[in-house]
Amino acid sequence: MSPDARKHRGAHPEDRRLFAQDKIPILGEATADLSWLFTRGYAAPSAVKLVGDHHSLTDRQRLAVARAACSDQQREKRDSTCLSVDKIQGQTIAIDGFNLIITIEAALSGGLLLISRDGCIRDLSSVHGSYRSVAETESAVRIIGQTLESFAPRSVTWFLDKPVSNSGRLAGFIQDLAGWRGWPWEVKLVMNPDAALSSSNDISMTSDSVILDQAIRWVNFVSHLLETDLQSAWVVNLSDSPGWGRER
């Protein structure tokens, strides 16, 4: 089934097997190995192949490890610019729209979430040039909005990829909901949200590695939601920090 024909952003049929509890130590070791290679300047395609072959990983496991890994330099930089969520009060926020919404949709529909080496929460979904709302889309936006409202930012700008099909429809829904709830939101359809957020002086909300490596300030918003509204989400820890991860 094509990604934009699905009614949910849930787990892949093989995920329960591929990311079962007995697989986590292997995947965690693979993430550490890949991060070691990234730290020493290895290119991603060759490094992922080397680590994936060594640990006999499937394509989907390789994707998870690649999303969870980062170099020491990247982790240190991201740590240094990460703010606690309470710091957004009275501030201007820039949201990587598809990145955030799709992760929350996955969480609400039983999809796999990964705790990455930099502490970010990532899913295994992707847009691939088209997006279609799923059953959890409205709930995802409402959860984001209600949580933001509790922290009272001065303003929020959502950035959505203009070339992605149905982005205009999603923008309209977000803007209509914001108007009804009185949320100080603006939605922008842009050709390259990565570039817009990377150069923004606002506080970024994203788990996109490209943006995080450039952002001057960001918040780990999904991590906060996992402790509040998304406590039943399926979370697998591929970082080297203990104490995270929940099985369902």
C-alpha atoms as a PDB file:
ATOM      1  CA  MET A   1       0.000   0.000   0.000  1.00  0.00           C
ATOM      2  CA  SER A   2       1.403   3.392  -0.928  1.00  0.00           C
ATOM      3  CA  PRO A   3       2.191   5.754   1.992  1.00  0.00           C
ATOM      4  CA  ASP A   4      -0.437   8.346   1.115  1.00  0.00           C
ATOM      5  CA  ALA A   5      -3.212   5.758   0.766  1.00  0.00           C
ATOM      6  CA  ARG A   6      -2.970   4.679   4.396  1.00  0.00           C
ATOM      7  CA  LYS A   7      -5.587   5.631   6.978  1.00  0.00           C
ATOM      8  CA  HIS A   8      -3.033   5.526   9.812  1.00  0.00           C
ATOM      9  CA  ARG A   9       0.648   6.299  10.274  1.00  0.00           C
ATOM     10  CA  GLY A  10       1.127   3.132  12.331  1.00  0.00           C
ATOM     11  CA  ALA A  11       3.767   0.446  12.502  1.00  0.00           C
ATOM     12  CA  HIS A  12       5.016  -1.452   9.480  1.00  0.00           C
ATOM     13  CA  PRO A  13       3.761  -5.072   9.544  1.00  0.00           C
ATOM     14  CA  GLU A  14       7.289  -6.322  10.297  1.00  0.00           C
ATOM     15  CA  ASP A  15       8.189  -3.744  12.955  1.00  0.00           C
ATOM     16  CA  ARG A  16       7.156  -5.834  15.964  1.00  0.00           C
ATOM     17  CA  ARG A  17       9.618  -8.495  14.864  1.00  0.00           C
ATOM     18  CA  LEU A  18      12.368  -6.205  13.600  1.00  0.00           C
ATOM     19  CA  PHE A  19      12.309  -4.040  16.729  1.00  0.00           C
ATOM     20  CA  ALA A  20      11.422  -6.655  19.330  1.00  0.00           C
ATOM     21  CA  GLN A  21      13.087  -6.355  22.714  1.00  0.00           C
ATOM     22  CA  ASP A  22      15.765  -8.939  21.873  1.00  0.00           C
ATOM     23  CA  LYS A  23      16.798  -6.892  18.810  1.00  0.00           C
ATOM     24  CA  ILE A  24      17.355  -3.621  20.700  1.00  0.00           C
ATOM     25  CA  PRO A  25      20.881  -4.405  22.001  1.00  0.00           C
ATOM     26  CA  ILE A  26      22.044  -5.202  18.457  1.00  0.00           C
ATOM     27  CA  LEU A  27      20.426  -2.078  17.033  1.00  0.00           C
ATOM     28  CA  GLY A  28      21.866   0.036  19.836  1.00  0.00           C
ATOM     29  CA  GLU A  29      25.339  -1.339  19.141  1.00  0.00           C
ATOM     30  CA  ALA A  30      24.879  -0.661  15.433  1.00  0.00           C
ATOM     31  CA  THR A  31      23.839   2.926  16.197  1.00  0.00           C
ATOM     32  CA  ALA A  32      26.958   3.398  18.329  1.00  0.00           C
ATOM     33  CA  ASP A  33      29.149   1.905  15.571  1.00  0.00           C
ATOM     34  CA  LEU A  34      27.628   4.152  12.923  1.00  0.00           C
ATOM     35  CA  SER A  35      28.016   7.202  15.159  1.00  0.00           C
ATOM     36  CA  TRP A  36      31.679   6.278  15.654  1.00  0.00           C
ATOM     37  CA  LEU A  37      32.172   6.226  11.881  1.00  0.00           C
ATOM     38  CA  PHE A  38      30.322   9.535  11.437  1.00  0.00           C
ATOM     39  CA  THR A  39      32.550  11.101  14.104  1.00  0.00           C
ATOM     40  CA  ARG A  40      35.562  10.122  12.022  1.00  0.00           C
ATOM     41  CA  GLY A  41      34.192  11.550   8.796  1.00  0.00           C
ATOM     42  CA  TYR A  42      32.864   8.497   7.016  1.00  0.00           C
ATOM     43  CA  ALA A  43      30.211   9.214   4.381  1.00  0.00           C
ATOM     44  CA  ALA A  44      26.703   8.067   5.250  1.00  0.00           C
ATOM     45  CA  PRO A  45      25.999   5.581   2.417  1.00  0.00           C
ATOM     46  CA  SER A  46      29.215   3.605   2.842  1.00  0.00           C
ATOM     47  CA  ALA A  47      29.080   3.779   6.644  1.00  0.00           C
ATOM     48  CA  VAL A  48      25.474   2.564   6.808  1.00  0.00           C
ATOM     49  CA  LYS A  49      26.294  -0.310   4.462  1.00  0.00           C
ATOM     50  CA  LEU A  50      29.352  -1.277   6.490  1.00  0.00           C
ATOM     51  CA  VAL A  51      27.478  -1.285   9.787  1.00  0.00           C
ATOM     52  CA  GLY A  52      24.351  -2.858   8.324  1.00  0.00           C
ATOM     53  CA  ASP A  53      26.296  -5.699   6.736  1.00  0.00           C
ATOM     54  CA  HIS A  54      28.334  -6.276   9.899  1.00  0.00           C
ATOM     55  CA  HIS A  55      25.210  -6.604  12.047  1.00  0.00           C
ATOM     56  CA  SER A  56      23.091  -8.326   9.335  1.00  0.00           C
ATOM     57  CA  LEU A  57      20.420  -5.639   9.482  1.00  0.00           C
ATOM     58  CA  THR A  58      17.379  -5.448   7.228  1.00  0.00           C
ATOM     59  CA  ASP A  59      16.723  -2.330   5.166  1.00  0.00           C
ATOM     60  CA  ARG A  60      14.211  -1.035   7.709  1.00  0.00           C
ATOM     61  CA  GLN A  61      16.591  -1.640  10.598  1.00  0.00           C
ATOM     62  CA  ARG A  62      19.313   0.192   8.667  1.00  0.00           C
ATOM     63  CA  LEU A  63      16.946   3.125   8.193  1.00  0.00           C
ATOM     64  CA  ALA A  64      16.276   3.234  11.937  1.00  0.00           C
ATOM     65  CA  VAL A  65      19.965   3.099  12.821  1.00  0.00           C
ATOM     66  CA  ALA A  66      20.788   5.794  10.255  1.00  0.00           C
ATOM     67  CA  ARG A  67      18.117   8.096  11.709  1.00  0.00           C
ATOM     68  CA  ALA A  68      19.234   7.453  15.290  1.00  0.00           C
ATOM     69  CA  ALA A  69      22.983   7.905  14.777  1.00  0.00           C
ATOM     70  CA  CYS A  70      24.982  11.132  14.765  1.00  0.00           C
ATOM     71  CA  SER A  71      28.592  12.160  15.219  1.00  0.00           C
ATOM     72  CA  ASP A  72      30.025  13.360  18.517  1.00  0.00           C
ATOM     73  CA  GLN A  73      30.363  16.815  16.989  1.00  0.00           C
ATOM     74  CA  GLN A  74      26.711  16.896  15.961  1.00  0.00           C
ATOM     75  CA  ARG A  75      25.534  15.743  19.372  1.00  0.00           C
ATOM     76  CA  GLU A  76      27.634  18.329  21.184  1.00  0.00           C
ATOM     77  CA  LYS A  77      26.384  21.130  18.941  1.00  0.00           C
ATOM     78  CA  ARG A  78      22.754  20.090  19.272  1.00  0.00           C
ATOM     79  CA  ASP A  79      23.089  19.771  23.051  1.00  0.00           C
ATOM     80  CA  SER A  80      24.510  23.277  23.255  1.00  0.00           C
ATOM     81  CA  THR A  81      21.573  24.881  21.397  1.00  0.00           C
ATOM     82  CA  CYS A  82      18.707  22.863  22.902  1.00  0.00           C
ATOM     83  CA  LEU A  83      16.372  24.780  25.229  1.00  0.00           C
ATOM     84  CA  SER A  84      13.938  23.377  27.777  1.00  0.00           C
ATOM     85  CA  VAL A  85      10.336  23.638  26.623  1.00  0.00           C
ATOM     86  CA  ASP A  86       9.424  26.195  29.286  1.00  0.00           C
ATOM     87  CA  LYS A  87      11.820  28.644  27.619  1.00  0.00           C
ATOM     88  CA  ILE A  88       9.396  29.171  24.726  1.00  0.00           C
ATOM     89  CA  GLN A  89       7.121  31.369  26.830  1.00  0.00           C
ATOM     90  CA  GLY A  90       6.850  34.751  25.152  1.00  0.00           C
ATOM     91  CA  GLN A  91       9.119  33.650  22.297  1.00  0.00           C
ATOM     92  CA  THR A  92       8.632  33.248  18.548  1.00  0.00           C
ATOM     93  CA  ILE A  93       8.497  29.632  17.373  1.00  0.00           C
ATOM     94  CA  ALA A  94       9.201  28.095  13.953  1.00  0.00           C
ATOM     95  CA  ILE A  95       7.727  24.626  13.394  1.00  0.00           C
ATOM     96  CA  ASP A  96       8.909  22.100  10.835  1.00  0.00           C
ATOM     97  CA  GLY A  97       5.330  21.183  10.021  1.00  0.00           C
ATOM     98  CA  PHE A  98       5.429  17.790   8.339  1.00  0.00           C
ATOM     99  CA  ASN A  99       8.301  16.649  10.534  1.00  0.00           C
ATOM    100  CA  LEU A 100       6.361  17.342  13.732  1.00  0.00           C
ATOM    101  CA  ILE A 101       2.880  16.303  12.635  1.00  0.00           C
ATOM    102  CA  ILE A 102       3.940  12.983  11.100  1.00  0.00           C
ATOM    103  CA  THR A 103       5.857  12.021  14.243  1.00  0.00           C
ATOM    104  CA  ILE A 104       2.804  12.706  16.415  1.00  0.00           C
ATOM    105  CA  GLU A 105       0.548  10.856  13.962  1.00  0.00           C
ATOM    106  CA  ALA A 106       2.868   7.850  14.209  1.00  0.00           C
ATOM    107  CA  ALA A 107       2.840   8.017  17.999  1.00  0.00           C
ATOM    108  CA  LEU A 108      -0.955   8.143  18.157  1.00  0.00           C
ATOM    109  CA  SER A 109      -1.411   5.213  15.771  1.00  0.00           C
ATOM    110  CA  GLY A 110       1.055   2.781  17.342  1.00  0.00           C
ATOM    111  CA  GLY A 111       3.961   3.508  15.042  1.00  0.00           C
ATOM    112  CA  LEU A 112       7.549   3.070  16.150  1.00  0.00           C
ATOM    113  CA  LEU A 113       9.341   6.045  17.679  1.00  0.00           C
ATOM    114  CA  LEU A 114      13.106   6.054  18.123  1.00  0.00           C
ATOM    115  CA  ILE A 115      15.082   7.822  20.811  1.00  0.00           C
ATOM    116  CA  SER A 116      18.128   8.889  18.864  1.00  0.00           C
ATOM    117  CA  ARG A 117      21.661   9.507  20.042  1.00  0.00           C
ATOM    118  CA  ASP A 118      21.078  13.271  20.146  1.00  0.00           C
ATOM    119  CA  GLY A 119      17.974  12.800  22.315  1.00  0.00           C
ATOM    120  CA  CYS A 120      15.528  13.584  19.513  1.00  0.00           C
ATOM    121  CA  ILE A 121      12.484  11.440  18.863  1.00  0.00           C
ATOM    122  CA  ARG A 122      12.215  10.223  15.286  1.00  0.00           C
ATOM    123  CA  ASP A 123       9.823   7.968  13.392  1.00  0.00           C
ATOM    124  CA  LEU A 124      10.304   5.865  10.280  1.00  0.00           C
ATOM    125  CA  SER A 125       7.670   7.557   8.138  1.00  0.00           C
ATOM    126  CA  SER A 126       8.405   9.722   5.123  1.00  0.00           C
ATOM    127  CA  VAL A 127       6.480  12.047   2.837  1.00  0.00           C
ATOM    128  CA  HIS A 128       7.974  11.140  -0.569  1.00  0.00           C
ATOM    129  CA  GLY A 129       6.459  14.133  -2.350  1.00  0.00           C
ATOM    130  CA  SER A 130       2.885  13.598  -1.227  1.00  0.00           C
ATOM    131  CA  TYR A 131       0.977  13.782   2.018  1.00  0.00           C
ATOM    132  CA  ARG A 132      -2.498  12.675   2.937  1.00  0.00           C
ATOM    133  CA  SER A 133      -4.141  13.309   6.266  1.00  0.00           C
ATOM    134  CA  VAL A 134      -4.742  10.180   8.334  1.00  0.00           C
ATOM    135  CA  ALA A 135      -7.206   9.434  11.113  1.00  0.00           C
ATOM    136  CA  GLU A 136      -4.823  10.903  13.696  1.00  0.00           C
ATOM    137  CA  THR A 137      -3.989  14.166  11.903  1.00  0.00           C
ATOM    138  CA  GLU A 138      -6.592  16.338  13.605  1.00  0.00           C
ATOM    139  CA  SER A 139      -5.729  14.942  17.046  1.00  0.00           C
ATOM    140  CA  ALA A 140      -2.030  15.496  16.372  1.00  0.00           C
ATOM    141  CA  VAL A 141      -2.490  19.175  15.534  1.00  0.00           C
ATOM    142  CA  ARG A 142      -4.783  19.687  18.521  1.00  0.00           C
ATOM    143  CA  ILE A 143      -2.281  18.105  20.919  1.00  0.00           C
ATOM    144  CA  ILE A 144       0.484  20.293  19.537  1.00  0.00           C
ATOM    145  CA  GLY A 145      -1.711  23.381  19.824  1.00  0.00           C
ATOM    146  CA  GLN A 146      -2.969  22.726  23.322  1.00  0.00           C
ATOM    147  CA  THR A 147       0.527  22.048  24.613  1.00  0.00           C
ATOM    148  CA  LEU A 148       1.910  25.158  22.940  1.00  0.00           C
ATOM    149  CA  GLU A 149      -0.947  27.186  24.390  1.00  0.00           C
ATOM    150  CA  SER A 150       0.047  26.089  27.892  1.00  0.00           C
ATOM    151  CA  PHE A 151       3.539  27.525  27.359  1.00  0.00           C
ATOM    152  CA  ALA A 152       2.234  30.784  25.845  1.00  0.00           C
ATOM    153  CA  PRO A 153       4.685  31.567  23.030  1.00  0.00           C
ATOM    154  CA  ARG A 154       4.339  35.020  21.494  1.00  0.00           C
ATOM    155  CA  SER A 155       3.790  33.635  18.008  1.00  0.00           C
ATOM    156  CA  VAL A 156       4.116  30.393  16.052  1.00  0.00           C
ATOM    157  CA  THR A 157       4.975  30.024  12.361  1.00  0.00           C
ATOM    158  CA  TRP A 158       4.407  26.667  10.701  1.00  0.00           C
ATOM    159  CA  PHE A 159       6.521  25.871   7.646  1.00  0.00           C
ATOM    160  CA  LEU A 160       5.151  23.327   5.184  1.00  0.00           C
ATOM    161  CA  ASP A 161       6.752  22.066   1.973  1.00  0.00           C
ATOM    162  CA  LYS A 162       4.923  23.752  -0.887  1.00  0.00           C
ATOM    163  CA  PRO A 163       5.887  21.073  -3.469  1.00  0.00           C
ATOM    164  CA  VAL A 164       4.302  18.310  -1.377  1.00  0.00           C
ATOM    165  CA  SER A 165       0.803  17.491  -2.554  1.00  0.00           C
ATOM    166  CA  ASN A 166      -2.015  18.313  -0.116  1.00  0.00           C
ATOM    167  CA  SER A 167       0.230  20.731   1.780  1.00  0.00           C
ATOM    168  CA  GLY A 168      -2.213  23.546   0.989  1.00  0.00           C
ATOM    169  CA  ARG A 169      -5.105  21.559   2.409  1.00  0.00           C
ATOM    170  CA  LEU A 170      -3.172  20.858   5.620  1.00  0.00           C
ATOM    171  CA  ALA A 171      -2.170  24.510   5.868  1.00  0.00           C
ATOM    172  CA  GLY A 172      -5.814  25.522   5.619  1.00  0.00           C
ATOM    173  CA  PHE A 173      -6.824  23.132   8.378  1.00  0.00           C
ATOM    174  CA  ILE A 174      -4.045  24.351  10.697  1.00  0.00           C
ATOM    175  CA  GLN A 175      -4.902  27.990  10.051  1.00  0.00           C
ATOM    176  CA  ASP A 176      -8.640  27.420  10.537  1.00  0.00           C
ATOM    177  CA  LEU A 177      -8.084  25.574  13.809  1.00  0.00           C
ATOM    178  CA  ALA A 178      -5.764  28.308  15.047  1.00  0.00           C
ATOM    179  CA  GLY A 179      -8.345  30.967  14.209  1.00  0.00           C
ATOM    180  CA  TRP A 180     -11.089  29.088  16.016  1.00  0.00           C
ATOM    181  CA  ARG A 181      -8.935  28.548  19.111  1.00  0.00           C
ATOM    182  CA  GLY A 182      -7.373  32.001  19.094  1.00  0.00           C
ATOM    183  CA  TRP A 183      -3.851  30.644  18.729  1.00  0.00           C
ATOM    184  CA  PRO A 184      -1.255  33.135  17.391  1.00  0.00           C
ATOM    185  CA  TRP A 185      -0.287  30.973  14.434  1.00  0.00           C
ATOM    186  CA  GLU A 186       0.753  31.612  10.851  1.00  0.00           C
ATOM    187  CA  VAL A 187       1.247  28.930   8.212  1.00  0.00           C
ATOM    188  CA  LYS A 188       3.754  29.396   5.399  1.00  0.00           C
ATOM    189  CA  LEU A 189       4.045  27.213   2.320  1.00  0.00           C
ATOM    190  CA  VAL A 190       7.675  27.398   1.205  1.00  0.00           C
ATOM    191  CA  MET A 191       9.801  25.578  -1.336  1.00  0.00           C
ATOM    192  CA  ASN A 192      12.448  24.586   1.210  1.00  0.00           C
ATOM    193  CA  PRO A 193      11.447  24.530   4.896  1.00  0.00           C
ATOM    194  CA  ASP A 194      14.891  23.212   5.858  1.00  0.00           C
ATOM    195  CA  ALA A 195      16.524  26.378   4.570  1.00  0.00           C
ATOM    196  CA  ALA A 196      13.855  28.616   6.124  1.00  0.00           C
ATOM    197  CA  LEU A 197      14.195  27.066   9.572  1.00  0.00           C
ATOM    198  CA  SER A 198      17.981  26.753   9.410  1.00  0.00           C
ATOM    199  CA  SER A 199      18.332  30.504   8.852  1.00  0.00           C
ATOM    200  CA  SER A 200      15.586  31.557  11.269  1.00  0.00           C
ATOM    201  CA  ASN A 201      16.250  33.444  14.498  1.00  0.00           C
ATOM    202  CA  ASP A 202      13.144  31.847  16.020  1.00  0.00           C
ATOM    203  CA  ILE A 203      13.177  28.773  18.260  1.00  0.00           C
ATOM    204  CA  SER A 204      12.900  25.729  16.001  1.00  0.00           C
ATOM    205  CA  MET A 205      10.685  22.713  16.620  1.00  0.00           C
ATOM    206  CA  THR A 206      12.033  19.834  14.571  1.00  0.00           C
ATOM    207  CA  SER A 207      14.007  16.609  14.715  1.00  0.00           C
ATOM    208  CA  ASP A 208      15.479  17.123  11.243  1.00  0.00           C
ATOM    209  CA  SER A 209      19.241  16.689  11.465  1.00  0.00           C
ATOM    210  CA  VAL A 210      19.982  19.230   8.735  1.00  0.00           C
ATOM    211  CA  ILE A 211      18.051  21.926  10.579  1.00  0.00           C
ATOM    212  CA  LEU A 212      19.413  20.997  14.020  1.00  0.00           C
ATOM    213  CA  ASP A 213      22.982  21.343  12.781  1.00  0.00           C
ATOM    214  CA  GLN A 214      22.238  24.946  11.800  1.00  0.00           C
ATOM    215  CA  ALA A 215      19.605  26.111  14.282  1.00  0.00           C
ATOM    216  CA  ILE A 216      20.660  28.686  16.849  1.00  0.00           C
ATOM    217  CA  ARG A 217      17.936  27.507  19.276  1.00  0.00           C
ATOM    218  CA  TRP A 218      15.581  24.547  19.320  1.00  0.00           C
ATOM    219  CA  VAL A 219      13.363  22.568  21.685  1.00  0.00           C
ATOM    220  CA  ASN A 220      12.875  18.815  21.930  1.00  0.00           C
ATOM    221  CA  PHE A 221       9.106  19.164  21.791  1.00  0.00           C
ATOM    222  CA  VAL A 222       8.166  15.552  21.027  1.00  0.00           C
ATOM    223  CA  SER A 223      10.223  14.368  23.977  1.00  0.00           C
ATOM    224  CA  HIS A 224       8.090  16.593  26.200  1.00  0.00           C
ATOM    225  CA  LEU A 225       4.876  15.245  24.660  1.00  0.00           C
ATOM    226  CA  LEU A 226       5.973  11.671  25.374  1.00  0.00           C
ATOM    227  CA  GLU A 227       5.923  12.523  29.065  1.00  0.00           C
ATOM    228  CA  THR A 228       2.521  14.208  28.918  1.00  0.00           C
ATOM    229  CA  ASP A 229       0.065  13.432  26.092  1.00  0.00           C
ATOM    230  CA  LEU A 230       1.775  10.462  24.424  1.00  0.00           C
ATOM    231  CA  GLN A 231       2.605   8.196  27.337  1.00  0.00           C
ATOM    232  CA  SER A 232       1.234   5.100  25.582  1.00  0.00           C
ATOM    233  CA  ALA A 233       3.460   5.535  22.516  1.00  0.00           C
ATOM    234  CA  TRP A 234       5.759   2.718  21.419  1.00  0.00           C
ATOM    235  CA  VAL A 235       9.271   4.039  22.019  1.00  0.00           C
ATOM    236  CA  VAL A 236      12.544   2.217  21.392  1.00  0.00           C
ATOM    237  CA  ASN A 237      15.792   3.583  22.779  1.00  0.00           C
ATOM    238  CA  LEU A 238      18.726   3.523  20.333  1.00  0.00           C
ATOM    239  CA  SER A 239      20.691   6.175  22.201  1.00  0.00           C
ATOM    240  CA  ASP A 240      23.449   5.434  24.682  1.00  0.00           C
ATOM    241  CA  SER A 241      21.458   6.992  27.537  1.00  0.00           C
ATOM    242  CA  PRO A 242      19.645   4.570  29.874  1.00  0.00           C
ATOM    243  CA  GLY A 243      16.192   5.010  31.274  1.00  0.00           C
ATOM    244  CA  TRP A 244      14.284   5.651  28.052  1.00  0.00           C
ATOM    245  CA  GLY A 245      12.077   3.393  26.007  1.00  0.00           C
ATOM    246  CA  ARG A 246       8.684   1.805  26.483  1.00  0.00           C
ATOM    247  CA  GLU A 247       7.216  -1.396  25.192  1.00  0.00           C
ATOM    248  CA  ARG A 248       3.509  -1.682  24.470  1.00  0.00           C
END
